[in-house]
Amino acid sequence: MTADILQRGLYFEEIEVGARYLHRPGRTATEADNVLFTTLTMNTQALHLDAAFAQTQEFGQRLMNSMWTLSTMVGASVAQLTQGTLVAQLGLGEIAFPHPLFAGDTLYTESVVTEKRLSKSRPGQGICTIAHTGRNQDDVVVATATRTVLMHCVPKEN
């Protein structure tokens, strides 16, 4: 009989500060993603919904909702880093969108753990700071964000 292997993220001890985690596959943004996310979140920004208006603006087309970009970028890291090992997301900071993402672009995400320490108040858990970077198919940075998370340590054997 073969062993069961449960897909999971990394425990606190397994996370390596400074390592660059490349999350694949990428995610190609679609017009449907943009319209659905934008309307679900009650964001009526014409730059996301109104093609005729967007054509008259600086980029000449609708922009992907930046919150979709941020959510997808963080989501791309889950399977590799935090699936089943995250206690909670503690916060987001230093978020930037230096270049627009458009429908048809593919978002590729990488993460670098910049800091980690054991929790002082929660035994068996640790705090990690993760810098996420999203790039399009042309390797242009479209989003960056720093995320602080509370992670489980490796469970102790009974």
C-alpha atoms as a PDB file:
ATOM      1  CA  MET A   1       0.000   0.000   0.000  1.00  0.00           C
ATOM      2  CA  THR A   2       1.280   3.465  -0.815  1.00  0.00           C
ATOM      3  CA  ALA A   3       1.259   6.381   1.604  1.00  0.00           C
ATOM      4  CA  ASP A   4      -1.328   9.142   1.420  1.00  0.00           C
ATOM      5  CA  ILE A   5       0.301  12.479   0.675  1.00  0.00           C
ATOM      6  CA  LEU A   6      -1.667  15.561   1.620  1.00  0.00           C
ATOM      7  CA  GLN A   7      -0.945  18.694  -0.398  1.00  0.00           C
ATOM      8  CA  ARG A   8      -0.101  21.518   1.955  1.00  0.00           C
ATOM      9  CA  GLY A   9       1.837  24.710   2.291  1.00  0.00           C
ATOM     10  CA  LEU A  10       4.966  25.088   4.369  1.00  0.00           C
ATOM     11  CA  TYR A  11       5.182  25.086   8.135  1.00  0.00           C
ATOM     12  CA  PHE A  12       6.956  27.994   9.803  1.00  0.00           C
ATOM     13  CA  GLU A  13      10.206  26.035  10.145  1.00  0.00           C
ATOM     14  CA  GLU A  14      10.156  25.051   6.467  1.00  0.00           C
ATOM     15  CA  ILE A  15       9.917  28.617   5.187  1.00  0.00           C
ATOM     16  CA  GLU A  16      13.271  29.941   4.073  1.00  0.00           C
ATOM     17  CA  VAL A  17      13.963  33.662   4.438  1.00  0.00           C
ATOM     18  CA  GLY A  18      15.338  35.059   1.194  1.00  0.00           C
ATOM     19  CA  ALA A  19      14.211  32.164  -1.010  1.00  0.00           C
ATOM     20  CA  ARG A  20      12.216  33.177  -4.071  1.00  0.00           C
ATOM     21  CA  TYR A  21       9.135  31.020  -4.471  1.00  0.00           C
ATOM     22  CA  LEU A  22       7.854  30.976  -8.072  1.00  0.00           C
ATOM     23  CA  HIS A  23       4.130  30.194  -8.218  1.00  0.00           C
ATOM     24  CA  ARG A  24       3.049  28.410 -11.370  1.00  0.00           C
ATOM     25  CA  PRO A  25       1.013  28.164 -13.458  1.00  0.00           C
ATOM     26  CA  GLY A  26       0.332  31.807 -14.217  1.00  0.00           C
ATOM     27  CA  ARG A  27      -3.215  33.114 -14.525  1.00  0.00           C
ATOM     28  CA  THR A  28      -4.448  34.735 -17.717  1.00  0.00           C
ATOM     29  CA  ALA A  29      -6.799  37.586 -16.853  1.00  0.00           C
ATOM     30  CA  THR A  30     -10.082  37.635 -18.753  1.00  0.00           C
ATOM     31  CA  GLU A  31     -12.737  40.236 -19.401  1.00  0.00           C
ATOM     32  CA  ALA A  32     -15.172  38.030 -17.463  1.00  0.00           C
ATOM     33  CA  ASP A  33     -12.832  38.045 -14.433  1.00  0.00           C
ATOM     34  CA  ASN A  34     -12.729  41.820 -14.533  1.00  0.00           C
ATOM     35  CA  VAL A  35     -16.469  42.397 -14.909  1.00  0.00           C
ATOM     36  CA  LEU A  36     -17.437  39.742 -12.351  1.00  0.00           C
ATOM     37  CA  PHE A  37     -14.918  40.837  -9.704  1.00  0.00           C
ATOM     38  CA  THR A  38     -15.691  44.511 -10.248  1.00  0.00           C
ATOM     39  CA  THR A  39     -19.449  44.085  -9.980  1.00  0.00           C
ATOM     40  CA  LEU A  40     -19.273  41.605  -7.068  1.00  0.00           C
ATOM     41  CA  THR A  41     -17.291  44.163  -5.081  1.00  0.00           C
ATOM     42  CA  MET A  42     -19.646  47.032  -6.065  1.00  0.00           C
ATOM     43  CA  ASN A  43     -16.809  48.938  -7.734  1.00  0.00           C
ATOM     44  CA  THR A  44     -18.463  51.068 -10.402  1.00  0.00           C
ATOM     45  CA  GLN A  45     -15.183  52.479 -11.783  1.00  0.00           C
ATOM     46  CA  ALA A  46     -15.745  53.073 -15.494  1.00  0.00           C
ATOM     47  CA  LEU A  47     -12.097  52.200 -16.196  1.00  0.00           C
ATOM     48  CA  HIS A  48     -13.060  48.569 -15.462  1.00  0.00           C
ATOM     49  CA  LEU A  49     -16.583  48.416 -16.905  1.00  0.00           C
ATOM     50  CA  ASP A  50     -17.033  50.928 -19.720  1.00  0.00           C
ATOM     51  CA  ALA A  51     -15.001  50.090 -22.840  1.00  0.00           C
ATOM     52  CA  ALA A  52     -16.038  53.260 -24.698  1.00  0.00           C
ATOM     53  CA  PHE A  53     -15.006  55.478 -21.783  1.00  0.00           C
ATOM     54  CA  ALA A  54     -11.769  53.568 -21.185  1.00  0.00           C
ATOM     55  CA  GLN A  55     -10.790  54.040 -24.848  1.00  0.00           C
ATOM     56  CA  THR A  56     -10.719  57.808 -24.218  1.00  0.00           C
ATOM     57  CA  GLN A  57      -8.417  57.469 -21.214  1.00  0.00           C
ATOM     58  CA  GLU A  58      -4.641  57.186 -20.859  1.00  0.00           C
ATOM     59  CA  PHE A  59      -4.316  53.437 -21.509  1.00  0.00           C
ATOM     60  CA  GLY A  60      -6.926  53.263 -24.288  1.00  0.00           C
ATOM     61  CA  GLN A  61      -8.639  50.177 -22.889  1.00  0.00           C
ATOM     62  CA  ARG A  62     -10.225  48.801 -19.728  1.00  0.00           C
ATOM     63  CA  LEU A  63      -7.858  48.066 -16.857  1.00  0.00           C
ATOM     64  CA  MET A  64      -8.084  44.907 -14.792  1.00  0.00           C
ATOM     65  CA  ASN A  65      -9.389  45.788 -11.354  1.00  0.00           C
ATOM     66  CA  SER A  66      -6.284  46.206  -9.196  1.00  0.00           C
ATOM     67  CA  MET A  67      -7.961  44.393  -6.302  1.00  0.00           C
ATOM     68  CA  TRP A  68      -8.436  41.380  -8.622  1.00  0.00           C
ATOM     69  CA  THR A  69      -4.732  41.585  -9.422  1.00  0.00           C
ATOM     70  CA  LEU A  70      -3.828  41.741  -5.715  1.00  0.00           C
ATOM     71  CA  SER A  71      -6.206  38.908  -4.776  1.00  0.00           C
ATOM     72  CA  THR A  72      -5.009  36.684  -7.603  1.00  0.00           C
ATOM     73  CA  MET A  73      -1.360  37.390  -6.805  1.00  0.00           C
ATOM     74  CA  VAL A  74      -1.830  36.415  -3.147  1.00  0.00           C
ATOM     75  CA  GLY A  75      -4.031  33.472  -4.114  1.00  0.00           C
ATOM     76  CA  ALA A  76      -1.346  32.104  -6.433  1.00  0.00           C
ATOM     77  CA  SER A  77       0.960  31.696  -3.420  1.00  0.00           C
ATOM     78  CA  VAL A  78      -1.450  29.678  -1.277  1.00  0.00           C
ATOM     79  CA  ALA A  79      -0.827  26.129  -2.542  1.00  0.00           C
ATOM     80  CA  GLN A  80       2.947  26.485  -2.270  1.00  0.00           C
ATOM     81  CA  LEU A  81       3.226  28.496   0.951  1.00  0.00           C
ATOM     82  CA  THR A  82       0.177  28.568   3.201  1.00  0.00           C
ATOM     83  CA  GLN A  83      -2.383  25.878   2.287  1.00  0.00           C
ATOM     84  CA  GLY A  84      -3.353  24.265   5.582  1.00  0.00           C
ATOM     85  CA  THR A  85      -0.465  25.874   7.490  1.00  0.00           C
ATOM     86  CA  LEU A  86      -1.800  29.425   7.792  1.00  0.00           C
ATOM     87  CA  VAL A  87      -3.438  30.492  11.031  1.00  0.00           C
ATOM     88  CA  ALA A  88      -4.422  33.966   9.829  1.00  0.00           C
ATOM     89  CA  GLN A  89      -3.452  36.801   7.575  1.00  0.00           C
ATOM     90  CA  LEU A  90      -2.404  39.639   9.858  1.00  0.00           C
ATOM     91  CA  GLY A  91      -2.113  42.450   7.365  1.00  0.00           C
ATOM     92  CA  LEU A  92      -1.176  43.838   3.994  1.00  0.00           C
ATOM     93  CA  GLY A  93       1.165  46.754   3.400  1.00  0.00           C
ATOM     94  CA  GLU A  94       3.281  48.464   0.790  1.00  0.00           C
ATOM     95  CA  ILE A  95       0.875  47.676  -2.047  1.00  0.00           C
ATOM     96  CA  ALA A  96       1.701  49.167  -5.447  1.00  0.00           C
ATOM     97  CA  PHE A  97       0.513  48.783  -9.028  1.00  0.00           C
ATOM     98  CA  PRO A  98       3.354  50.222 -11.135  1.00  0.00           C
ATOM     99  CA  HIS A  99       1.950  49.077 -14.494  1.00  0.00           C
ATOM    100  CA  PRO A 100      -1.594  48.175 -15.553  1.00  0.00           C
ATOM    101  CA  LEU A 101      -2.786  44.652 -16.172  1.00  0.00           C
ATOM    102  CA  PHE A 102      -5.231  44.142 -19.044  1.00  0.00           C
ATOM    103  CA  ALA A 103      -7.609  41.355 -20.014  1.00  0.00           C
ATOM    104  CA  GLY A 104      -5.543  38.884 -22.015  1.00  0.00           C
ATOM    105  CA  ASP A 105      -2.396  39.443 -19.948  1.00  0.00           C
ATOM    106  CA  THR A 106      -1.016  36.548 -17.899  1.00  0.00           C
ATOM    107  CA  LEU A 107      -0.126  37.226 -14.279  1.00  0.00           C
ATOM    108  CA  TYR A 108       2.900  35.370 -12.896  1.00  0.00           C
ATOM    109  CA  THR A 109       3.563  35.626  -9.179  1.00  0.00           C
ATOM    110  CA  GLU A 110       6.642  35.156  -7.036  1.00  0.00           C
ATOM    111  CA  SER A 111       7.079  35.509  -3.296  1.00  0.00           C
ATOM    112  CA  VAL A 112      10.088  36.171  -1.088  1.00  0.00           C
ATOM    113  CA  VAL A 113       9.876  35.694   2.673  1.00  0.00           C
ATOM    114  CA  THR A 114      11.693  38.730   4.044  1.00  0.00           C
ATOM    115  CA  GLU A 115      11.339  38.090   7.768  1.00  0.00           C
ATOM    116  CA  LYS A 116      10.170  35.431  10.168  1.00  0.00           C
ATOM    117  CA  ARG A 117      10.052  35.044  13.924  1.00  0.00           C
ATOM    118  CA  LEU A 118       8.338  32.863  16.447  1.00  0.00           C
ATOM    119  CA  SER A 119       5.231  34.381  17.987  1.00  0.00           C
ATOM    120  CA  LYS A 120       5.767  35.688  21.502  1.00  0.00           C
ATOM    121  CA  SER A 121       2.115  35.257  22.456  1.00  0.00           C
ATOM    122  CA  ARG A 122       1.081  32.149  20.522  1.00  0.00           C
ATOM    123  CA  PRO A 123       3.200  29.053  21.204  1.00  0.00           C
ATOM    124  CA  GLY A 124       3.563  26.757  18.203  1.00  0.00           C
ATOM    125  CA  GLN A 125       3.090  29.595  15.748  1.00  0.00           C
ATOM    126  CA  GLY A 126       5.306  32.058  13.907  1.00  0.00           C
ATOM    127  CA  ILE A 127       4.976  35.328  12.037  1.00  0.00           C
ATOM    128  CA  CYS A 128       6.287  35.707   8.485  1.00  0.00           C
ATOM    129  CA  THR A 129       6.505  38.725   6.219  1.00  0.00           C
ATOM    130  CA  ILE A 130       6.152  37.872   2.541  1.00  0.00           C
ATOM    131  CA  ALA A 131       6.881  40.183  -0.384  1.00  0.00           C
ATOM    132  CA  HIS A 132       4.736  39.258  -3.395  1.00  0.00           C
ATOM    133  CA  THR A 133       5.525  40.438  -6.925  1.00  0.00           C
ATOM    134  CA  GLY A 134       3.234  40.025  -9.915  1.00  0.00           C
ATOM    135  CA  ARG A 135       4.585  40.287 -13.461  1.00  0.00           C
ATOM    136  CA  ASN A 136       2.852  40.085 -16.800  1.00  0.00           C
ATOM    137  CA  GLN A 137       3.883  37.812 -19.680  1.00  0.00           C
ATOM    138  CA  ASP A 138       6.467  40.408 -20.757  1.00  0.00           C
ATOM    139  CA  ASP A 139       8.126  40.290 -17.297  1.00  0.00           C
ATOM    140  CA  VAL A 140       6.838  43.781 -16.446  1.00  0.00           C
ATOM    141  CA  VAL A 141       6.002  44.254 -12.744  1.00  0.00           C
ATOM    142  CA  VAL A 142       2.279  44.974 -12.460  1.00  0.00           C
ATOM    143  CA  ALA A 143       1.830  44.627  -8.693  1.00  0.00           C
ATOM    144  CA  THR A 144       3.748  44.331  -5.456  1.00  0.00           C
ATOM    145  CA  ALA A 145       2.516  43.761  -1.924  1.00  0.00           C
ATOM    146  CA  THR A 146       3.908  42.902   1.466  1.00  0.00           C
ATOM    147  CA  ARG A 147       1.839  40.479   3.524  1.00  0.00           C
ATOM    148  CA  THR A 148       2.213  39.484   7.167  1.00  0.00           C
ATOM    149  CA  VAL A 149       0.898  36.060   8.127  1.00  0.00           C
ATOM    150  CA  LEU A 150       0.651  33.889  11.219  1.00  0.00           C
ATOM    151  CA  MET A 151       1.802  30.343  10.449  1.00  0.00           C
ATOM    152  CA  HIS A 152       1.630  27.034  12.273  1.00  0.00           C
ATOM    153  CA  CYS A 153       4.897  25.438  13.380  1.00  0.00           C
ATOM    154  CA  VAL A 154       5.490  21.775  12.639  1.00  0.00           C
ATOM    155  CA  PRO A 155       3.066  19.808  14.862  1.00  0.00           C
ATOM    156  CA  LYS A 156       4.700  18.049  17.792  1.00  0.00           C
ATOM    157  CA  GLU A 157       4.494  14.271  17.830  1.00  0.00           C
ATOM    158  CA  ASN A 158       2.386  12.850  20.669  1.00  0.00           C
END
